[in-house]
Amino acid sequence: MSKILVKNSDANLCKESRSKLILSIKNMMTDRHIVNQSLKSLLEKMKIECLPTDDDTDMDLIKKMSAINGFKCNLHVLVNFATQAESGLKLWEQNILESVDCSSFFSPSCCDFIRASTKLCVPGADEKSGYGLLFKTFLNQLEPPVDLQLTTFHGHRINLLFSMGASVFHHRNHIKLFIENYFNKEDRNRLLCAVYNYVNNPVYLAGCRALGIVDKLLTGPLWRIIENVDHILDLNDIWLVFKNSIELLSKDASELIEGKVFYPKFTKKDEVFNSLFINNDVDEELNLLTIEALQIILINFLIIIERQLSDCLPGGIFNENTEGVNKDLRVESTTVATTNIVSERDFANLDRLRREKPNANTIALEGIILFSNNKTLRWLDDMNVEKKRRYLK
């Protein structure tokens, strides 16, 4: 932006425009990487340089005027929940399994079970070893036909480990029957052998079920709440209630396995939801293992909450009940989104377009992305013929 302003023939006007632009920055939204703190410090330093000062200027006033509210994407908390939960579950599985009877290609982890299942069962997920189309055909031939609830991890990130845990548990019997009916033991490739070992182990099934329950009752509804709140500061109370609930459930997760709904308006009940909770009394071992896995997951959630949501909780710099917090914070942050998903999607599209169109310049790629974001095609379709002809002439 500064390079564009420098092209202005009037140097003073250019400097004034640059200063106005920089001083207008009140908020920033980033992911939760520590390096973004350096960007915030750099922007605040630039604001100080743009402020008119003299020897009598109050430094506290300058500091206040140059301050930027460094908000962070709330959906990245869900991403980090999954990473931390995976680490905790791996340690739990290592301690609870008496022996690990597997080949070098078989990783003892319910999270790897989930990834392997999507590779095997999702069309296009693994062209070398997977049987996605065959599995989908197998589901369609069942009585009654069953819809495939799995999706690939490629191109997806937020909450996917939890939602796919639910789907794998939902399809557990389908996967087992599919492998047994279509492949002789001696003819199975490594992926088939791995998934078959996973699906017959109650520890890995309990881990999948626990992740799925977390998706249906906690992280899934929370994602919908994050995207529907009117103001980013409204999430402070939601995170506090969530933290208090997790503290209780991490000690006794029996309410979760019973299917207690915490967010009725945002909880999606479907066939996958039902498969996680019906017939709880049939397999007592699976229930006990699931409760243990749930408590391990939620304990690890608390680590992320304490580490990454301290600014939003009581005493945090973005909590309006904290003593000394800027009284104008809510007004200043009115336009702040709750996530940075829009910018992340734009850069993901840019990365894809650069690979698909290596000879296209930046302006052309920007035009493609803006054409999509602005719904230009829909706007043109809704326009009357004469007006459209005039614009496109």
Protein backbone atom coordinates (compact mmCIF):
# COMPACT_ATOMS: atom_id res chain seq x y z
CA MET A 1 0.00 0.00 0.00
CA SER A 2 2.82 2.41 0.87
CA LYS A 3 4.42 1.77 -2.56
CA ILE A 4 1.17 2.78 -4.24
CA LEU A 5 0.99 5.96 -2.18
CA VAL A 6 4.59 6.87 -2.98
CA LYS A 7 3.66 7.09 -6.67
CA ASN A 8 1.55 10.16 -5.83
CA SER A 9 3.24 13.24 -7.27
CA ASP A 10 2.56 15.33 -4.17
CA ALA A 11 4.99 14.09 -1.50
CA ASN A 12 3.19 15.87 1.35
CA LEU A 13 -0.18 14.50 0.28
CA CYS A 14 1.36 11.07 0.01
CA LYS A 15 2.75 11.26 3.54
CA GLU A 16 -0.56 12.52 4.89
CA SER A 17 -2.51 9.75 3.16
CA ARG A 18 -0.09 7.13 4.43
CA SER A 19 -0.39 8.45 7.98
CA LYS A 20 -4.20 8.48 7.84
CA LEU A 21 -4.20 4.94 6.57
CA ILE A 22 -1.91 3.65 9.31
CA LEU A 23 -3.62 5.62 12.09
CA SER A 24 -7.00 4.21 11.05
CA ILE A 25 -5.90 0.73 12.12
CA LYS A 26 -7.62 -0.02 15.43
CA ASN A 27 -7.87 -3.81 15.36
CA MET A 28 -6.20 -6.81 13.83
CA MET A 29 -7.28 -10.42 13.53
CA THR A 30 -4.65 -13.15 13.27
CA ASP A 31 -4.29 -16.83 13.90
CA ARG A 32 -2.71 -17.81 17.20
CA HIS A 33 0.91 -18.08 16.08
CA ILE A 34 3.34 -16.27 18.35
CA VAL A 35 5.02 -14.52 15.40
CA ASN A 36 1.92 -12.35 14.92
CA GLN A 37 2.80 -10.48 18.10
CA SER A 38 5.77 -9.05 16.21
CA LEU A 39 3.44 -7.79 13.48
CA LYS A 40 1.27 -6.08 16.08
CA SER A 41 4.33 -4.41 17.65
CA LEU A 42 5.51 -3.25 14.23
CA LEU A 43 2.15 -1.69 13.38
CA GLU A 44 2.01 0.10 16.74
CA LYS A 45 5.50 1.46 16.14
CA MET A 46 4.42 2.75 12.73
CA LYS A 47 1.41 4.47 14.32
CA ILE A 48 3.67 6.23 16.83
CA GLU A 49 5.84 7.50 13.98
CA CYS A 50 2.76 8.93 12.26
CA LEU A 51 1.51 10.82 15.33
CA PRO A 52 2.43 14.52 15.60
CA THR A 53 4.54 14.89 18.75
CA ASP A 54 6.75 17.38 20.54
CA ASP A 55 8.68 17.52 23.81
CA ASP A 56 5.52 18.20 25.84
CA THR A 57 3.50 15.30 24.43
CA ASP A 58 2.20 12.89 27.04
CA MET A 59 3.79 9.50 26.31
CA ASP A 60 0.90 7.66 27.94
CA LEU A 61 -1.46 9.37 25.51
CA ILE A 62 0.75 8.39 22.57
CA LYS A 63 0.84 4.81 23.78
CA LYS A 64 -2.93 4.77 24.11
CA MET A 65 -3.48 6.27 20.65
CA SER A 66 -1.06 3.84 19.03
CA ALA A 67 -2.47 0.72 20.70
CA ILE A 68 -3.98 -1.93 18.47
CA ASN A 69 -6.44 -4.53 19.68
CA GLY A 70 -4.78 -7.80 18.73
CA PHE A 71 -7.71 -10.19 18.42
CA LYS A 72 -7.16 -13.82 17.51
CA CYS A 73 -9.21 -16.24 15.44
CA ASN A 74 -11.57 -18.25 17.62
CA LEU A 75 -11.77 -21.18 15.20
CA HIS A 76 -8.05 -21.78 15.61
CA VAL A 77 -8.84 -22.80 19.18
CA LEU A 78 -10.75 -25.76 17.75
CA VAL A 79 -7.78 -26.64 15.55
CA ASN A 80 -5.50 -26.62 18.58
CA PHE A 81 -8.04 -28.61 20.60
CA ALA A 82 -7.65 -31.41 18.05
CA THR A 83 -3.85 -31.29 18.10
CA GLN A 84 -3.70 -31.38 21.89
CA ALA A 85 -6.38 -34.08 22.15
CA GLU A 86 -4.48 -36.28 19.71
CA SER A 87 -1.32 -36.04 21.81
CA GLY A 88 -3.22 -36.93 24.98
CA LEU A 89 -5.02 -39.88 23.39
CA LYS A 90 -1.78 -41.35 22.05
CA LEU A 91 -0.27 -41.41 25.54
CA TRP A 92 -3.47 -42.90 26.97
CA GLU A 93 -3.52 -45.63 24.31
CA GLN A 94 0.12 -46.51 24.91
CA ASN A 95 -0.57 -46.97 28.61
CA ILE A 96 -3.81 -48.91 28.29
CA LEU A 97 -2.87 -51.35 25.53
CA GLU A 98 -1.25 -54.49 26.94
CA SER A 99 0.62 -55.18 23.73
CA VAL A 100 0.88 -53.69 20.29
CA ASP A 101 0.66 -56.47 17.72
CA CYS A 102 1.14 -54.60 14.51
CA SER A 103 3.40 -54.17 11.52
CA SER A 104 5.61 -51.19 10.86
CA PHE A 105 2.84 -49.60 8.79
CA PHE A 106 0.28 -49.93 11.59
CA SER A 107 0.48 -46.94 13.95
CA PRO A 108 -1.22 -47.57 17.33
CA SER A 109 -3.47 -44.51 17.48
CA CYS A 110 -7.21 -43.91 17.12
CA CYS A 111 -6.45 -40.66 15.27
CA ASP A 112 -4.43 -42.64 12.71
CA PHE A 113 -7.36 -45.07 12.59
CA ILE A 114 -9.58 -42.16 11.56
CA ARG A 115 -7.16 -40.95 8.88
CA ALA A 116 -6.61 -44.47 7.55
CA SER A 117 -10.37 -45.06 7.37
CA THR A 118 -10.92 -41.91 5.32
CA LYS A 119 -8.12 -42.97 2.95
CA LEU A 120 -9.70 -46.39 2.53
CA CYS A 121 -13.37 -45.39 2.30
CA VAL A 122 -13.55 -41.92 0.70
CA PRO A 123 -13.50 -41.77 -3.12
CA GLY A 124 -10.33 -40.05 -4.32
CA ALA A 125 -8.71 -39.86 -0.89
CA ASP A 126 -6.04 -42.47 -1.69
CA GLU A 127 -5.82 -43.48 -5.34
CA LYS A 128 -3.08 -46.01 -4.64
CA SER A 129 -4.46 -48.08 -1.76
CA GLY A 130 -8.00 -46.86 -1.12
CA TYR A 131 -11.31 -48.33 -2.23
CA GLY A 132 -13.59 -45.33 -1.84
CA LEU A 133 -15.86 -45.95 -4.83
CA LEU A 134 -16.20 -49.63 -3.98
CA PHE A 135 -17.05 -48.81 -0.35
CA LYS A 136 -19.64 -46.25 -1.45
CA THR A 137 -21.20 -48.84 -3.77
CA PHE A 138 -21.20 -51.34 -0.90
CA LEU A 139 -23.12 -48.88 1.30
CA ASN A 140 -25.66 -48.22 -1.45
CA GLN A 141 -26.33 -51.95 -1.79
CA LEU A 142 -27.18 -52.40 1.88
CA GLU A 143 -30.80 -52.71 3.00
CA PRO A 144 -31.67 -49.97 3.62
CA PRO A 145 -28.95 -48.04 1.72
CA VAL A 146 -26.53 -46.07 3.88
CA ASP A 147 -25.12 -42.62 3.09
CA LEU A 148 -21.35 -42.19 3.28
CA GLN A 149 -20.60 -39.81 6.16
CA LEU A 150 -16.82 -39.70 5.69
CA THR A 151 -14.76 -37.07 3.91
CA THR A 152 -11.09 -36.63 3.13
CA PHE A 153 -8.69 -34.72 5.37
CA HIS A 154 -7.22 -33.03 2.30
CA GLY A 155 -8.35 -29.40 2.14
CA HIS A 156 -10.13 -29.58 5.50
CA ARG A 157 -8.84 -28.59 8.90
CA ILE A 158 -11.20 -27.18 11.51
CA ASN A 159 -12.94 -29.71 13.76
CA LEU A 160 -12.38 -32.47 11.19
CA LEU A 161 -10.68 -34.92 13.55
CA PHE A 162 -13.70 -34.80 15.86
CA SER A 163 -16.37 -35.01 13.15
CA MET A 164 -14.57 -37.83 11.33
CA GLY A 165 -14.19 -39.67 14.64
CA ALA A 166 -17.98 -39.66 14.84
CA SER A 167 -18.32 -40.84 11.24
CA VAL A 168 -15.77 -43.64 11.57
CA PHE A 169 -17.55 -44.94 14.68
CA HIS A 170 -20.85 -44.70 12.80
CA HIS A 171 -19.41 -46.78 9.93
CA ARG A 172 -17.38 -49.19 12.10
CA ASN A 173 -19.53 -52.24 11.34
CA HIS A 174 -19.82 -51.28 7.68
CA ILE A 175 -16.03 -51.02 7.37
CA LYS A 176 -15.49 -54.37 9.07
CA LEU A 177 -18.10 -56.13 6.93
CA PHE A 178 -16.77 -54.49 3.77
CA ILE A 179 -13.22 -55.75 4.35
CA GLU A 180 -14.33 -59.26 5.33
CA ASN A 181 -16.66 -59.64 2.34
CA TYR A 182 -14.48 -58.18 -0.40
CA PHE A 183 -10.90 -59.08 0.52
CA ASN A 184 -9.27 -62.34 1.52
CA LYS A 185 -6.82 -62.00 4.37
CA GLU A 186 -3.81 -62.86 2.22
CA ASP A 187 -4.84 -60.39 -0.51
CA ARG A 188 -5.24 -57.28 1.66
CA ASN A 189 -2.89 -54.36 1.17
CA ARG A 190 -1.29 -52.54 4.07
CA LEU A 191 -4.07 -49.98 4.39
CA LEU A 192 -6.73 -52.69 4.55
CA CYS A 193 -4.75 -54.63 7.17
CA ALA A 194 -4.26 -51.52 9.27
CA VAL A 195 -7.93 -50.49 9.20
CA TYR A 196 -9.07 -54.04 9.95
CA ASN A 197 -6.77 -54.18 12.99
CA TYR A 198 -8.07 -50.81 14.16
CA VAL A 199 -11.76 -51.60 13.76
CA ASN A 200 -11.47 -54.77 15.85
CA ASN A 201 -9.80 -53.04 18.80
CA PRO A 202 -12.15 -51.56 21.45
CA VAL A 203 -9.52 -49.03 22.57
CA TYR A 204 -9.37 -47.38 19.15
CA LEU A 205 -13.15 -47.56 18.78
CA ALA A 206 -13.54 -45.88 22.17
CA GLY A 207 -11.16 -43.11 21.08
CA CYS A 208 -13.16 -42.55 17.89
CA ARG A 209 -16.41 -42.53 19.81
CA ALA A 210 -15.04 -40.06 22.36
CA LEU A 211 -13.87 -37.69 19.61
CA GLY A 212 -17.26 -38.02 17.93
CA ILE A 213 -19.16 -37.26 21.14
CA VAL A 214 -17.00 -34.17 21.62
CA ASP A 215 -17.89 -33.07 18.09
CA LYS A 216 -21.63 -33.57 18.47
CA LEU A 217 -22.02 -32.09 21.96
CA LEU A 218 -19.18 -29.55 22.30
CA THR A 219 -16.96 -28.45 19.41
CA GLY A 220 -19.57 -28.71 16.64
CA PRO A 221 -22.14 -26.52 18.44
CA LEU A 222 -19.35 -24.20 19.58
CA TRP A 223 -18.26 -23.67 15.97
CA ARG A 224 -21.83 -22.68 15.03
CA ILE A 225 -22.02 -20.31 17.99
CA ILE A 226 -18.73 -18.65 17.00
CA GLU A 227 -20.08 -18.00 13.52
CA ASN A 228 -23.44 -16.63 14.74
CA VAL A 229 -22.64 -14.25 17.61
CA ASP A 230 -23.28 -10.56 16.97
CA HIS A 231 -20.03 -9.29 18.49
CA ILE A 232 -16.66 -10.90 19.11
CA LEU A 233 -16.73 -9.81 22.78
CA ASP A 234 -19.95 -11.77 23.26
CA LEU A 235 -17.82 -14.91 23.03
CA ASN A 236 -16.12 -14.10 26.35
CA ASP A 237 -19.05 -15.37 28.41
CA ILE A 238 -19.45 -18.37 26.12
CA TRP A 239 -15.80 -19.35 26.57
CA LEU A 240 -16.09 -18.94 30.35
CA VAL A 241 -19.15 -21.20 30.53
CA PHE A 242 -17.40 -23.67 28.23
CA LYS A 243 -14.30 -23.69 30.45
CA ASN A 244 -16.34 -24.26 33.60
CA SER A 245 -18.22 -27.12 31.94
CA ILE A 246 -14.99 -28.74 30.73
CA GLU A 247 -13.51 -28.56 34.23
CA LEU A 248 -16.46 -30.55 35.59
CA LEU A 249 -16.71 -33.01 32.71
CA SER A 250 -12.98 -33.75 32.76
CA LYS A 251 -13.51 -35.28 36.21
CA ASP A 252 -16.66 -37.21 35.30
CA ALA A 253 -17.68 -37.51 31.65
CA SER A 254 -20.70 -39.74 32.26
CA GLU A 255 -23.08 -36.96 31.18
CA LEU A 256 -21.41 -36.84 27.79
CA ILE A 257 -21.72 -40.55 27.13
CA GLU A 258 -25.40 -40.32 28.06
CA GLY A 259 -25.87 -37.71 25.33
CA LYS A 260 -26.64 -34.63 27.43
CA VAL A 261 -27.10 -31.67 25.10
CA PHE A 262 -25.42 -28.44 26.28
CA TYR A 263 -26.30 -26.22 23.29
CA PRO A 264 -29.83 -27.22 22.13
CA LYS A 265 -30.12 -24.55 19.42
CA PHE A 266 -26.78 -25.46 17.86
CA THR A 267 -26.70 -29.25 18.25
CA LYS A 268 -27.29 -31.24 15.08
CA LYS A 269 -29.01 -34.58 15.71
CA ASP A 270 -28.71 -37.04 12.85
CA GLU A 271 -27.99 -40.71 12.27
CA VAL A 272 -24.35 -40.23 13.25
CA PHE A 273 -25.43 -38.57 16.50
CA ASN A 274 -27.76 -41.47 17.26
CA SER A 275 -25.09 -44.09 16.58
CA LEU A 276 -22.87 -42.55 19.27
CA PHE A 277 -25.42 -42.87 22.07
CA ILE A 278 -27.99 -45.61 21.43
CA ASN A 279 -27.54 -49.00 23.08
CA ASN A 280 -25.07 -47.65 25.62
CA ASP A 281 -25.57 -50.63 27.91
CA VAL A 282 -24.74 -53.27 25.31
CA ASP A 283 -20.95 -53.02 25.68
CA GLU A 284 -19.89 -51.96 29.15
CA GLU A 285 -16.18 -52.20 28.30
CA LEU A 286 -16.60 -49.78 25.40
CA ASN A 287 -18.53 -47.37 27.62
CA LEU A 288 -15.82 -47.37 30.29
CA LEU A 289 -13.06 -46.88 27.72
CA THR A 290 -15.04 -44.07 26.08
CA ILE A 291 -15.47 -42.26 29.40
CA GLU A 292 -11.72 -42.52 30.04
CA ALA A 293 -10.94 -41.22 26.56
CA LEU A 294 -13.39 -38.34 27.00
CA GLN A 295 -11.78 -37.28 30.26
CA ILE A 296 -8.31 -37.42 28.67
CA ILE A 297 -9.52 -35.25 25.77
CA LEU A 298 -11.16 -32.68 28.05
CA ILE A 299 -8.15 -32.43 30.34
CA ASN A 300 -6.10 -31.56 27.27
CA PHE A 301 -8.77 -29.03 26.25
CA LEU A 302 -8.13 -27.21 29.53
CA ILE A 303 -4.46 -26.82 28.60
CA ILE A 304 -5.41 -24.99 25.40
CA ILE A 305 -8.08 -22.90 27.13
CA GLU A 306 -5.68 -21.67 29.81
CA ARG A 307 -2.93 -21.03 27.29
CA GLN A 308 -4.81 -19.42 24.42
CA LEU A 309 -8.01 -17.93 25.83
CA SER A 310 -6.60 -16.06 28.81
CA ASP A 311 -7.28 -12.72 27.07
CA CYS A 312 -11.02 -13.52 26.90
CA LEU A 313 -11.47 -14.96 30.38
CA PRO A 314 -11.82 -12.91 33.61
CA GLY A 315 -8.71 -10.82 34.09
CA GLY A 316 -7.90 -10.84 30.37
CA ILE A 317 -7.23 -7.73 28.30
CA PHE A 318 -10.33 -8.31 26.13
CA ASN A 319 -12.70 -9.11 28.98
CA GLU A 320 -14.93 -6.11 29.65
CA ASN A 321 -15.18 -6.99 33.34
CA THR A 322 -11.42 -6.71 33.82
CA GLU A 323 -10.32 -3.64 35.76
CA GLY A 324 -8.62 -1.07 33.56
CA VAL A 325 -9.87 -2.41 30.23
CA ASN A 326 -10.57 0.23 27.59
CA LYS A 327 -14.18 1.37 28.05
CA ASP A 328 -14.49 1.95 24.31
CA LEU A 329 -13.32 -1.56 23.44
CA ARG A 330 -16.76 -2.78 22.35
CA VAL A 331 -17.29 0.23 20.09
CA GLU A 332 -13.79 0.02 18.63
CA SER A 333 -14.18 -3.69 17.86
CA THR A 334 -17.67 -3.55 16.36
CA THR A 335 -16.44 -4.53 12.90
CA VAL A 336 -14.08 -7.28 14.09
CA ALA A 337 -15.04 -10.74 12.86
CA THR A 338 -14.97 -13.69 15.23
CA THR A 339 -12.63 -15.62 12.93
CA ASN A 340 -10.12 -15.01 10.16
CA ILE A 341 -11.61 -17.79 8.06
CA VAL A 342 -12.32 -15.39 5.17
CA SER A 343 -8.70 -14.32 4.76
CA GLU A 344 -7.47 -17.89 5.20
CA ARG A 345 -9.85 -19.02 2.48
CA ASP A 346 -8.64 -16.23 0.19
CA PHE A 347 -5.00 -17.19 0.62
CA ALA A 348 -5.85 -20.86 0.15
CA ASN A 349 -7.56 -19.94 -3.14
CA LEU A 350 -4.56 -17.82 -4.11
CA ASP A 351 -2.20 -20.71 -3.40
CA ARG A 352 -4.35 -23.06 -5.50
CA LEU A 353 -4.61 -20.57 -8.37
CA ARG A 354 -0.84 -20.05 -8.41
CA ARG A 355 -0.38 -23.78 -8.91
CA GLU A 356 -3.12 -24.04 -11.53
CA LYS A 357 -2.20 -20.83 -13.40
CA PRO A 358 1.57 -20.30 -12.92
CA ASN A 359 1.75 -17.66 -15.67
CA ALA A 360 -1.08 -15.47 -14.35
CA ASN A 361 -0.06 -12.16 -12.77
CA THR A 362 -1.20 -10.95 -9.35
CA ILE A 363 -3.91 -8.64 -10.72
CA ALA A 364 -5.48 -11.49 -12.69
CA LEU A 365 -5.50 -13.81 -9.68
CA GLU A 366 -6.93 -11.06 -7.50
CA GLY A 367 -9.69 -10.52 -10.05
CA ILE A 368 -10.64 -14.21 -10.00
CA ILE A 369 -10.83 -14.27 -6.20
CA LEU A 370 -12.84 -11.03 -6.00
CA PHE A 371 -15.18 -12.22 -8.77
CA SER A 372 -15.97 -15.22 -6.58
CA ASN A 373 -16.16 -13.37 -3.24
CA ASN A 374 -18.32 -10.53 -4.56
CA LYS A 375 -20.77 -12.94 -6.25
CA THR A 376 -20.36 -10.93 -9.45
CA LEU A 377 -21.90 -13.64 -11.61
CA ARG A 378 -25.06 -13.70 -9.48
CA TRP A 379 -25.20 -9.90 -9.63
CA LEU A 380 -25.02 -10.03 -13.44
CA ASP A 381 -27.65 -12.76 -13.66
CA ASP A 382 -30.08 -10.68 -11.61
CA MET A 383 -29.55 -7.60 -13.78
CA ASN A 384 -32.03 -6.74 -16.54
CA VAL A 385 -30.84 -7.19 -20.13
CA GLU A 386 -30.57 -3.51 -21.06
CA LYS A 387 -28.58 -2.59 -17.98
CA LYS A 388 -26.30 -5.58 -18.43
CA ARG A 389 -25.67 -4.64 -22.06
CA ARG A 390 -24.79 -1.10 -21.02
CA TYR A 391 -22.31 -2.28 -18.38
CA LEU A 392 -20.66 -4.87 -20.63
CA LYS A 393 -20.53 -2.69 -23.72
